Amino acid sequence: MRGKELDIIVEKELQLMLIEGFEKSPISHKSLYDRLIKKGFIHGSL
């Protein structure tokens, strides 16, 4: 997955993290990356 499609998925995931709150889902590069890997949106390393 790449380009605009990946941008949309990242944006949606960040919005979900905001809704969940900082205590449950701290927003960082690492936590976003881990969530995208866990959900199968990306594979391997960046």
PDB file of N, CA and C in Angstrom:
ATOM      1  N   MET A   1       0.843  -1.163   0.000  1.00  0.00           N
ATOM      2  CA  MET A   1       0.000   0.000   0.000  1.00  0.00           C
ATOM      3  C   MET A   1       0.896   1.237   0.000  1.00  0.00           C
ATOM      4  N   ARG A   2       0.503   2.230  -0.779  1.00  0.00           N
ATOM      5  CA  ARG A   2       1.316   3.437  -0.847  1.00  0.00           C
ATOM      6  C   ARG A   2       0.514   4.612  -1.370  1.00  0.00           C
ATOM      7  N   GLY A   3       1.163   5.743  -1.357  1.00  0.00           N
ATOM      8  CA  GLY A   3       0.553   6.947  -1.907  1.00  0.00           C
ATOM      9  C   GLY A   3      -0.665   7.424  -1.140  1.00  0.00           C
ATOM     10  N   LYS A   4      -1.638   7.905  -1.900  1.00  0.00           N
ATOM     11  CA  LYS A   4      -2.845   8.507  -1.326  1.00  0.00           C
ATOM     12  C   LYS A   4      -3.606   7.517  -0.444  1.00  0.00           C
ATOM     13  N   GLU A   5      -3.657   6.267  -0.856  1.00  0.00           N
ATOM     14  CA  GLU A   5      -4.363   5.242  -0.084  1.00  0.00           C
ATOM     15  C   GLU A   5      -3.750   5.086   1.314  1.00  0.00           C
ATOM     16  N   LEU A   6      -2.438   5.060   1.388  1.00  0.00           N
ATOM     17  CA  LEU A   6      -1.755   4.961   2.679  1.00  0.00           C
ATOM     18  C   LEU A   6      -1.976   6.221   3.507  1.00  0.00           C
ATOM     19  N   ASP A   7      -1.950   7.374   2.868  1.00  0.00           N
ATOM     20  CA  ASP A   7      -2.214   8.638   3.575  1.00  0.00           C
ATOM     21  C   ASP A   7      -3.584   8.616   4.252  1.00  0.00           C
ATOM     22  N   ILE A   8      -4.577   8.113   3.548  1.00  0.00           N
ATOM     23  CA  ILE A   8      -5.939   8.058   4.087  1.00  0.00           C
ATOM     24  C   ILE A   8      -6.000   7.112   5.282  1.00  0.00           C
ATOM     25  N   ILE A   9      -5.358   5.958   5.180  1.00  0.00           N
ATOM     26  CA  ILE A   9      -5.349   4.992   6.281  1.00  0.00           C
ATOM     27  C   ILE A   9      -4.639   5.567   7.498  1.00  0.00           C
ATOM     28  N   VAL A  10      -3.506   6.230   7.289  1.00  0.00           N
ATOM     29  CA  VAL A  10      -2.761   6.836   8.399  1.00  0.00           C
ATOM     30  C   VAL A  10      -3.616   7.909   9.069  1.00  0.00           C
ATOM     31  N   GLU A  11      -4.276   8.736   8.274  1.00  0.00           N
ATOM     32  CA  GLU A  11      -5.123   9.792   8.834  1.00  0.00           C
ATOM     33  C   GLU A  11      -6.261   9.207   9.672  1.00  0.00           C
ATOM     34  N   LYS A  12      -6.910   8.162   9.167  1.00  0.00           N
ATOM     35  CA  LYS A  12      -8.001   7.527   9.914  1.00  0.00           C
ATOM     36  C   LYS A  12      -7.489   6.917  11.217  1.00  0.00           C
ATOM     37  N   GLU A  13      -6.323   6.303  11.167  1.00  0.00           N
ATOM     38  CA  GLU A  13      -5.762   5.684  12.367  1.00  0.00           C
ATOM     39  C   GLU A  13      -5.418   6.743  13.409  1.00  0.00           C
ATOM     40  N   LEU A  14      -4.874   7.869  12.963  1.00  0.00           N
ATOM     41  CA  LEU A  14      -4.573   8.959  13.894  1.00  0.00           C
ATOM     42  C   LEU A  14      -5.852   9.515  14.525  1.00  0.00           C
ATOM     43  N   GLN A  15      -6.913   9.608  13.744  1.00  0.00           N
ATOM     44  CA  GLN A  15      -8.189  10.076  14.284  1.00  0.00           C
ATOM     45  C   GLN A  15      -8.727   9.109  15.335  1.00  0.00           C
ATOM     46  N   LEU A  16      -8.583   7.808  15.089  1.00  0.00           N
ATOM     47  CA  LEU A  16      -8.999   6.814  16.078  1.00  0.00           C
ATOM     48  C   LEU A  16      -8.184   6.942  17.360  1.00  0.00           C
ATOM     49  N   MET A  17      -6.892   7.188  17.212  1.00  0.00           N
ATOM     50  CA  MET A  17      -6.022   7.339  18.379  1.00  0.00           C
ATOM     51  C   MET A  17      -6.438   8.560  19.197  1.00  0.00           C
ATOM     52  N   LEU A  18      -6.836   9.625  18.532  1.00  0.00           N
ATOM     53  CA  LEU A  18      -7.316  10.815  19.241  1.00  0.00           C
ATOM     54  C   LEU A  18      -8.591  10.515  20.017  1.00  0.00           C
ATOM     55  N   ILE A  19      -9.493   9.778  19.402  1.00  0.00           N
ATOM     56  CA  ILE A  19     -10.754   9.423  20.050  1.00  0.00           C
ATOM     57  C   ILE A  19     -10.500   8.541  21.273  1.00  0.00           C
ATOM     58  N   GLU A  20      -9.565   7.599  21.149  1.00  0.00           N
ATOM     59  CA  GLU A  20      -9.255   6.689  22.254  1.00  0.00           C
ATOM     60  C   GLU A  20      -8.603   7.414  23.424  1.00  0.00           C
ATOM     61  N   GLY A  21      -7.963   8.518  23.145  1.00  0.00           N
ATOM     62  CA  GLY A  21      -7.327   9.297  24.209  1.00  0.00           C
ATOM     63  C   GLY A  21      -5.854   8.965  24.385  1.00  0.00           C
ATOM     64  N   PHE A  22      -5.129   9.930  24.914  1.00  0.00           N
ATOM     65  CA  PHE A  22      -3.679   9.812  25.052  1.00  0.00           C
ATOM     66  C   PHE A  22      -3.277   8.707  26.024  1.00  0.00           C
ATOM     67  N   GLU A  23      -4.067   8.498  27.077  1.00  0.00           N
ATOM     68  CA  GLU A  23      -3.722   7.468  28.069  1.00  0.00           C
ATOM     69  C   GLU A  23      -3.733   6.071  27.451  1.00  0.00           C
ATOM     70  N   LYS A  24      -4.717   5.796  26.609  1.00  0.00           N
ATOM     71  CA  LYS A  24      -4.833   4.475  25.982  1.00  0.00           C
ATOM     72  C   LYS A  24      -3.979   4.370  24.722  1.00  0.00           C
ATOM     73  N   SER A  25      -3.918   5.437  23.952  1.00  0.00           N
ATOM     74  CA  SER A  25      -3.222   5.412  22.668  1.00  0.00           C
ATOM     75  C   SER A  25      -2.348   6.650  22.499  1.00  0.00           C
ATOM     76  N   PRO A  26      -1.182   6.666  23.134  1.00  0.00           N
ATOM     77  CA  PRO A  26      -0.297   7.819  22.950  1.00  0.00           C
ATOM     78  C   PRO A  26       0.120   7.932  21.481  1.00  0.00           C
ATOM     79  N   ILE A  27       0.104   9.135  20.978  1.00  0.00           N
ATOM     80  CA  ILE A  27       0.424   9.342  19.569  1.00  0.00           C
ATOM     81  C   ILE A  27       1.927   9.552  19.420  1.00  0.00           C
ATOM     82  N   SER A  28       2.551   8.603  18.742  1.00  0.00           N
ATOM     83  CA  SER A  28       3.972   8.693  18.421  1.00  0.00           C
ATOM     84  C   SER A  28       4.190   7.930  17.118  1.00  0.00           C
ATOM     85  N   HIS A  29       5.336   8.145  16.509  1.00  0.00           N
ATOM     86  CA  HIS A  29       5.654   7.420  15.281  1.00  0.00           C
ATOM     87  C   HIS A  29       5.618   5.914  15.531  1.00  0.00           C
ATOM     88  N   LYS A  30       6.202   5.501  16.638  1.00  0.00           N
ATOM     89  CA  LYS A  30       6.301   4.077  16.973  1.00  0.00           C
ATOM     90  C   LYS A  30       4.928   3.458  17.212  1.00  0.00           C
ATOM     91  N   SER A  31       4.074   4.122  17.975  1.00  0.00           N
ATOM     92  CA  SER A  31       2.758   3.539  18.259  1.00  0.00           C
ATOM     93  C   SER A  31       1.896   3.481  16.994  1.00  0.00           C
ATOM     94  N   LEU A  32       1.982   4.489  16.149  1.00  0.00           N
ATOM     95  CA  LEU A  32       1.244   4.469  14.882  1.00  0.00           C
ATOM     96  C   LEU A  32       1.752   3.338  13.996  1.00  0.00           C
ATOM     97  N   TYR A  33       3.061   3.210  13.886  1.00  0.00           N
ATOM     98  CA  TYR A  33       3.679   2.142  13.092  1.00  0.00           C
ATOM     99  C   TYR A  33       3.232   0.770  13.603  1.00  0.00           C
ATOM    100  N   ASP A  34       3.282   0.568  14.921  1.00  0.00           N
ATOM    101  CA  ASP A  34       2.875  -0.711  15.514  1.00  0.00           C
ATOM    102  C   ASP A  34       1.416  -1.030  15.205  1.00  0.00           C
ATOM    103  N   ARG A  35       0.549  -0.032  15.285  1.00  0.00           N
ATOM    104  CA  ARG A  35      -0.872  -0.242  14.993  1.00  0.00           C
ATOM    105  C   ARG A  35      -1.088  -0.610  13.527  1.00  0.00           C
ATOM    106  N   LEU A  36      -0.390   0.058  12.623  1.00  0.00           N
ATOM    107  CA  LEU A  36      -0.547  -0.231  11.197  1.00  0.00           C
ATOM    108  C   LEU A  36      -0.031  -1.625  10.860  1.00  0.00           C
ATOM    109  N   ILE A  37       1.062  -2.039  11.501  1.00  0.00           N
ATOM    110  CA  ILE A  37       1.591  -3.395  11.312  1.00  0.00           C
ATOM    111  C   ILE A  37       0.580  -4.418  11.844  1.00  0.00           C
ATOM    112  N   LYS A  38       0.092  -4.200  13.058  1.00  0.00           N
ATOM    113  CA  LYS A  38      -0.837  -5.130  13.708  1.00  0.00           C
ATOM    114  C   LYS A  38      -2.111  -5.317  12.885  1.00  0.00           C
ATOM    115  N   LYS A  39      -2.590  -4.249  12.273  1.00  0.00           N
ATOM    116  CA  LYS A  39      -3.823  -4.313  11.482  1.00  0.00           C
ATOM    117  C   LYS A  39      -3.576  -4.787  10.050  1.00  0.00           C
ATOM    118  N   GLY A  40      -2.308  -5.003   9.693  1.00  0.00           N
ATOM    119  CA  GLY A  40      -1.985  -5.544   8.381  1.00  0.00           C
ATOM    120  C   GLY A  40      -1.963  -4.535   7.250  1.00  0.00           C
ATOM    121  N   PHE A  41      -1.943  -3.237   7.584  1.00  0.00           N
ATOM    122  CA  PHE A  41      -1.917  -2.219   6.536  1.00  0.00           C
ATOM    123  C   PHE A  41      -0.536  -2.082   5.915  1.00  0.00           C
ATOM    124  N   ILE A  42       0.505  -2.326   6.715  1.00  0.00           N
ATOM    125  CA  ILE A  42       1.869  -2.270   6.201  1.00  0.00           C
ATOM    126  C   ILE A  42       2.613  -3.511   6.672  1.00  0.00           C
ATOM    127  N   HIS A  43       3.668  -3.850   5.950  1.00  0.00           N
ATOM    128  CA  HIS A  43       4.478  -5.024   6.272  1.00  0.00           C
ATOM    129  C   HIS A  43       5.942  -4.625   6.217  1.00  0.00           C
ATOM    130  N   GLY A  44       6.742  -5.203   7.080  1.00  0.00           N
ATOM    131  CA  GLY A  44       8.169  -4.920   7.069  1.00  0.00           C
ATOM    132  C   GLY A  44       8.505  -3.623   7.757  1.00  0.00           C
ATOM    133  N   SER A  45       9.654  -3.085   7.391  1.00  0.00           N
ATOM    134  CA  SER A  45      10.122  -1.857   8.039  1.00  0.00           C
ATOM    135  C   SER A  45       9.936  -0.663   7.119  1.00  0.00           C
ATOM    136  N   LEU A  46       9.992   0.508   7.729  1.00  0.00           N
ATOM    137  CA  LEU A  46       9.857   1.742   6.953  1.00  0.00           C
ATOM    138  C   LEU A  46      11.208   2.266   6.582  1.00  0.00           C
TER     139      LEU A  46
END
